[in-house]
Protein backbone atom coordinates (compact mmCIF):
# COMPACT_ATOMS: atom_id res chain seq x y z
CA MET A 1 88.80 81.63 102.67
CA GLY A 2 87.66 78.94 100.30
CA SER A 3 89.70 77.94 97.25
CA GLY A 4 90.41 81.42 95.90
CA LEU A 5 93.72 81.53 97.78
CA ASN A 6 95.82 78.37 97.99
CA PHE A 7 98.92 77.70 100.10
CA PHE A 8 101.88 75.32 100.14
CA THR A 9 103.03 73.74 103.42
CA ASN A 10 106.61 74.93 102.90
CA ALA A 11 107.74 77.94 100.91
CA ILE A 12 109.63 77.52 97.63
CA ASN A 13 112.64 79.75 97.12
CA LYS A 14 112.17 81.77 93.90
CA THR A 15 114.80 84.43 94.53
CA PRO A 16 116.13 85.83 91.23
CA ALA A 17 119.77 85.13 90.46
CA THR A 18 120.14 88.71 89.23
CA LYS A 19 120.04 91.75 91.48
CA GLY A 20 119.14 95.32 90.61
CA ALA A 21 116.91 94.39 87.65
CA TRP A 22 113.42 93.09 87.00
CA THR A 23 113.77 89.36 86.38
CA ASP A 24 111.24 86.72 85.32
CA ILE A 25 110.00 84.36 88.03
CA ASP A 26 108.50 81.22 86.49
CA VAL A 27 106.29 79.27 88.92
CA SER A 28 104.84 76.81 86.38
CA GLY A 29 106.96 73.96 87.77
CA ASP A 30 106.23 74.64 91.42
CA GLY A 31 102.77 73.17 91.84
CA VAL A 32 100.99 76.28 90.58
CA PRO A 33 98.31 74.95 88.18
CA ALA A 34 97.52 76.22 84.70
CA GLY A 35 94.89 78.91 84.95
CA ALA A 36 96.20 80.32 88.22
CA THR A 37 95.74 84.10 88.21
CA GLY A 38 98.43 85.12 90.66
CA ALA A 39 101.16 84.14 93.09
CA ILE A 40 101.56 84.81 96.79
CA PHE A 41 105.11 85.59 97.89
CA GLU A 42 106.96 86.23 101.10
CA ILE A 43 109.75 88.78 100.60
CA PHE A 44 112.32 88.42 103.38
CA ASN A 45 115.18 90.78 104.27
CA ASN A 46 117.84 89.00 106.30
CA SER A 47 119.93 92.13 106.76
CA ALA A 48 120.65 94.82 109.33
CA SER A 49 119.87 97.42 106.65
CA GLN A 50 116.71 98.03 104.66
CA ARG A 51 116.72 96.27 101.29
CA GLN A 52 114.53 96.61 98.20
CA GLY A 53 112.33 93.69 97.24
CA ALA A 54 109.29 93.77 94.96
CA VAL A 55 107.19 91.84 92.44
CA ARG A 56 105.06 92.90 89.48
CA LYS A 57 103.02 91.29 86.72
CA ASN A 58 105.06 90.19 83.71
CA GLY A 59 105.09 93.02 81.16
CA SER A 60 104.04 95.69 83.67
CA THR A 61 105.64 99.13 83.52
CA ASP A 62 105.38 99.63 87.31
CA ASN A 63 108.93 100.51 88.30
CA ASP A 64 109.04 102.31 91.65
CA THR A 65 111.89 100.21 93.03
CA ALA A 66 113.27 103.16 95.04
CA ASN A 67 110.25 102.85 97.35
CA SER A 68 110.15 99.09 97.69
CA ASP A 69 112.22 98.62 100.85
CA VAL A 70 111.62 95.82 103.32
CA ALA A 71 112.46 96.79 106.89
CA VAL A 72 115.58 95.68 108.75
CA ASN A 73 115.37 91.90 109.28
CA GLY A 74 111.81 92.30 108.06
CA VAL A 75 109.27 90.48 105.94
CA ILE A 76 106.28 91.39 103.79
CA TRP A 77 103.71 89.30 101.96
CA ALA A 78 103.01 90.24 98.34
CA LEU A 79 100.32 89.28 95.82
CA VAL A 80 101.09 89.55 92.11
CA GLY A 81 99.43 88.61 88.85
CA LEU A 82 100.72 85.81 86.63
CA ASP A 83 100.65 85.75 82.84
CA ALA A 84 99.32 82.78 80.86
CA ASN A 85 102.69 81.02 81.23
CA ARG A 86 102.61 81.46 85.03
CA ILE A 87 105.40 84.02 85.00
CA CYS A 88 105.73 87.24 87.00
CA GLU A 89 108.72 89.51 87.62
CA GLY A 90 110.80 90.07 90.75
CA PHE A 91 113.30 92.72 91.83
CA ILE A 92 115.87 92.46 94.61
CA GLU A 93 118.46 95.03 95.60
CA ASP A 94 120.88 92.45 96.91
CA LEU A 95 121.42 88.77 96.39
CA ALA A 96 119.83 85.93 98.35
CA ALA A 97 122.14 86.24 101.33
CA THR A 98 120.15 89.32 102.29
CA THR A 99 117.01 89.52 100.13
CA SER A 100 114.90 86.49 99.26
CA ILE A 101 111.56 85.91 97.53
CA PHE A 102 109.66 82.79 98.59
CA LEU A 103 106.58 81.37 96.85
CA ILE A 104 104.00 80.38 99.47
CA GLY A 105 100.85 79.99 97.36
CA TYR A 106 98.75 81.05 94.40
CA THR A 107 95.38 82.56 93.53
CA THR A 108 92.47 81.25 91.45
CA ASP A 109 88.68 81.51 91.32
CA GLY A 110 87.81 85.15 90.83
CA THR A 111 91.03 86.72 92.09
CA ASP A 112 92.47 88.90 89.34
CA PHE A 113 95.20 91.49 88.84
CA PHE A 114 95.69 94.57 86.69
CA LEU A 115 98.75 94.78 84.44
CA ASN A 116 99.70 98.10 86.02
CA ARG A 117 98.64 99.27 89.45
CA ILE A 118 96.09 102.10 89.74
CA ASP A 119 96.89 105.11 91.92
CA LYS A 120 94.32 105.63 94.68
CA SER A 121 96.45 108.00 96.76
CA PHE A 122 95.29 111.05 98.69
CA ASP A 123 95.98 114.62 97.53
CA THR A 124 96.08 116.01 101.07
CA PRO A 125 97.47 114.50 104.28
CA LEU A 126 94.51 113.15 106.21
CA SER A 127 95.12 111.39 109.52
CA THR A 128 91.56 110.14 109.44
CA TRP A 129 89.80 107.23 107.78
CA THR A 130 88.66 108.34 104.33
CA ASP A 131 86.74 106.62 101.52
CA ARG A 132 88.56 105.18 98.51
CA ASP A 133 86.14 104.30 95.70
CA VAL A 134 87.36 101.69 93.18
CA SER A 135 84.06 101.18 91.33
CA GLY A 136 85.37 103.09 88.31
CA ASP A 137 88.70 101.25 88.13
CA GLY A 138 87.72 97.99 86.48
CA VAL A 139 86.73 96.29 89.74
CA PRO A 140 83.55 94.29 88.97
CA ALA A 141 80.31 94.72 90.91
CA ASP A 142 80.60 91.31 92.56
CA ALA A 143 84.13 91.92 93.91
CA ILE A 144 84.28 91.65 97.69
CA GLY A 145 87.84 92.86 98.24
CA ALA A 146 90.63 94.97 96.75
CA ILE A 147 94.30 94.00 96.59
CA VAL A 148 96.16 97.11 97.70
CA GLU A 149 99.82 98.08 97.93
CA ILE A 150 100.70 100.76 100.49
CA ARG A 151 103.93 102.64 99.73
CA ASN A 152 105.81 105.23 101.76
CA THR A 153 107.88 107.42 99.43
CA ALA A 154 109.45 109.44 102.25
CA THR A 155 112.72 108.89 104.08
CA THR A 156 110.70 109.25 107.30
CA ARG A 157 108.37 106.57 108.62
CA TYR A 158 104.69 107.45 108.24
CA LYS A 159 101.48 105.59 109.01
CA GLY A 160 99.38 103.91 106.33
CA ALA A 161 96.51 101.45 106.68
CA VAL A 162 93.26 100.26 105.08
CA ARG A 163 90.00 98.77 106.36
CA LYS A 164 86.48 98.01 105.16
CA ASN A 165 84.28 101.08 104.78
CA GLY A 166 82.27 101.33 107.99
CA SER A 167 84.59 99.07 110.00
CA THR A 168 85.37 100.06 113.58
CA ASP A 169 88.95 98.74 113.35
CA ASN A 170 91.25 101.61 114.30
CA ARG A 171 94.74 100.25 114.85
CA THR A 172 96.65 103.30 113.64
CA THR A 173 99.13 103.74 116.50
CA GLY A 174 101.20 100.86 115.16
CA ALA A 175 100.52 101.45 111.45
CA ASP A 176 103.93 102.81 110.43
CA ILE A 177 105.30 101.92 106.99
CA THR A 178 109.07 101.81 106.92
CA SER A 179 110.80 104.69 105.14
CA THR A 180 110.78 104.17 101.35
CA GLY A 181 109.03 100.90 102.06
CA HIS A 182 105.85 99.04 101.12
CA ILE A 183 103.37 96.37 102.18
CA TYR A 184 100.43 94.58 100.50
CA THR A 185 97.03 93.45 101.70
CA ILE A 186 93.52 92.43 100.68
CA VAL A 187 90.96 94.90 102.05
CA PRO A 188 87.20 94.22 102.13
CA LEU A 189 84.92 96.34 99.93
CA ASP A 190 81.38 97.42 100.73
CA THR A 191 78.56 96.95 98.22
CA ASN A 192 79.52 100.22 96.51
CA ARG A 193 83.13 98.99 96.08
CA ILE A 194 84.53 101.45 98.64
CA PHE A 195 87.18 100.86 101.29
CA ASP A 196 88.68 103.21 103.88
CA GLY A 197 92.27 104.44 103.76
CA PHE A 198 94.35 106.15 106.45
CA VAL A 199 97.60 108.00 105.70
CA GLU A 200 99.58 110.23 108.02
CA ASN A 201 101.24 112.09 105.17
CA ILE A 202 100.69 112.33 101.41
CA ALA A 203 104.07 110.64 101.01
CA VAL A 204 102.15 107.43 101.77
CA ASP A 205 100.48 106.21 98.57
CA LEU A 206 97.74 103.64 98.01
CA PHE A 207 97.74 101.56 94.82
CA LEU A 208 95.04 99.22 93.56
CA VAL A 209 96.72 96.02 92.35
CA GLY A 210 93.71 93.75 91.78
CA TYR A 211 90.56 92.39 93.36
CA VAL A 212 89.03 89.26 94.84
CA LYS A 213 85.57 87.70 94.60
CA ALA A 214 83.90 84.75 96.34
CA PRO A 215 84.82 82.15 97.53
CA VAL A 216 87.23 84.39 99.46
CA VAL A 217 85.60 85.61 102.68
CA LEU A 218 86.53 88.92 104.35
CA PHE A 219 85.34 90.26 107.71
CA ASP A 220 83.94 93.71 108.51
CA ASN A 221 86.13 93.83 111.62
CA ALA A 222 89.24 91.80 112.41
CA LYS A 223 89.14 88.84 114.79
CA ASP A 224 91.78 89.00 117.53
CA GLU A 225 94.04 85.94 117.22
CA SER A 226 96.93 87.29 119.34
CA LEU A 227 99.26 84.87 121.12
CA THR A 228 99.88 84.46 124.84
CA THR A 229 103.15 82.59 124.26
CA ILE A 230 106.27 84.40 123.02
CA SER A 231 109.46 83.35 121.22
CA ALA A 232 108.08 80.02 120.00
CA TRP A 233 106.04 78.81 117.04
CA THR A 234 102.54 78.50 118.49
CA ASP A 235 99.30 77.09 117.09
CA VAL A 236 96.55 79.58 116.24
CA ASP A 237 93.20 77.81 116.13
CA ALA A 238 91.00 79.65 113.61
CA THR A 239 88.19 77.07 113.67
CA ALA A 240 85.64 79.39 115.27
CA ASP A 241 86.28 82.15 112.75
CA THR A 242 86.62 80.24 109.46
CA GLU A 243 84.73 77.78 107.31
CA ALA A 244 85.76 74.14 107.39
CA ALA A 245 86.97 74.38 103.77
CA ALA A 246 89.16 77.44 104.38
CA ASP A 247 92.66 77.19 102.91
CA GLY A 248 94.20 80.11 104.77
CA ILE A 249 93.72 83.41 106.54
CA ILE A 250 94.77 87.03 106.17
CA VAL A 251 96.37 88.36 109.35
CA GLU A 252 97.41 91.87 110.34
CA VAL A 253 100.53 91.53 112.48
CA TYR A 254 100.76 94.67 114.58
CA ASN A 255 103.51 96.03 116.85
CA GLY A 256 102.11 98.77 119.05
CA ILE A 257 105.27 99.50 121.05
CA THR A 258 108.32 101.57 120.09
CA GLY A 259 110.85 98.73 120.12
CA ALA A 260 111.36 96.23 117.30
CA GLN A 261 109.67 92.84 117.79
CA ILE A 262 109.73 89.54 115.92
CA GLY A 263 106.32 88.46 114.64
CA THR A 264 105.67 86.11 111.74
CA LEU A 265 103.46 83.35 110.37
CA ARG A 266 103.68 79.91 108.82
CA LYS A 267 101.30 77.10 107.87
CA ASP A 268 100.74 74.47 110.57
CA GLY A 269 103.15 71.61 109.95
CA SER A 270 105.61 73.74 108.00
CA SER A 271 109.34 73.59 108.68
CA ASP A 272 109.84 77.19 107.52
CA ASN A 273 111.69 79.19 110.17
CA ARG A 274 112.17 82.72 108.86
CA LEU A 275 111.70 85.06 111.83
CA GLY A 276 110.59 88.36 110.35
CA GLN A 277 110.89 91.46 112.50
CA LEU A 278 108.55 94.44 112.79
CA SER A 279 110.00 97.87 113.54
CA GLY A 280 108.50 99.75 116.45
CA GLU A 281 104.87 100.84 115.97
CA SER A 282 104.61 99.16 112.55
CA HIS A 283 102.51 96.49 110.89
CA TYR A 284 102.16 94.23 107.90
CA TYR A 285 99.40 92.08 106.47
CA GLY A 286 100.37 88.42 106.19
CA LEU A 287 98.75 85.56 104.28
CA VAL A 288 99.18 82.10 105.74
CA GLY A 289 97.87 78.64 105.01
CA LEU A 290 95.80 76.60 107.47
CA GLY A 291 96.62 73.02 108.35
CA ALA A 292 94.26 70.28 109.47
CA GLY A 293 91.61 71.54 111.86
CA ASN A 294 91.99 75.11 110.53
CA ILE A 295 95.19 75.72 112.51
C-alpha cells in the first residue's frame, strides 16, 4: 500500500481513562510523526455484552455514540483524523477491562479526513449494490479511495457493505453489522469518484469520513487470502498481491456461517494476542501491517 498507511509491530494501548465521554487521545509521543494526518486504531470489546467504542477528529461534533457498539468479544478497525497536535478523541462505554482502544498505525501522504463525517446513506432500503457519488463532497479528483463508516442504527442486525463501482465482489450473505454497531473501511473509487453501497435496511447508514490518494493501492476485486489452518496465528504471504514497498494490507474478514467465529489479524512478528470474534454471518474490514517479505 506504499507509505500512505504506516503500521507499528505491536499495538499501543491508548484507552481513555474516562468512560462515557469524549476524551482526547494524544498520539504525539507514540511514534506518530509530525504531519501525520490520521491514526489507525483497533477497538476491542473483551466482554460478553456489546459495548460502545468510537473515535472522532478532535473538535468534531459527530456524537452518535448510541450506535457505536462493538460486537460481543468483538473487534473493529477505525481510521480517524488527527489535528495539528496529533490529537483525536475517543469514547468508551466501559473501562479498559471490557473496552480498549489500541493504536496500530497512522496515515500520511494524501490520506485526509473531514472534521465531521458526511452522510451518504440511502433513503430507501435497497438490497442491491447502488452507486454512492462523493465527487461533490470535497473528495479531490485524484482520490482513489473513500474512508467510510457503516453504522446500523437498529436493534436488529442488518447487512451493510461497500465495494468499488463495477466490482464483482458480492459477499453479502455474511455482511451483517451488529445491532446499534459500526465498522470502518477504505473503499476504492472509480474515476468519477463513485463507489457501490449495499444496505439491507435504511437503518444502516453510510458516512464519508475521509479519502485516500496514491501511494495507497486498492483493488477492483478482493484477493482471497483465506487460511487453511484454524485456531493458530498463521502467516499470510501477500507477496504476489502487493508491491515490495507495501507497509500493510486492508482485509475483509468474513464469517459466512450462523455461528460466532474468531477471526483477527496482526503484523508478522507481533506479540499482540487479542482474539476478536465475529458474530454469525458478519464481517469487518481490518488494516494490518506487513512484516519482512510482505507477510
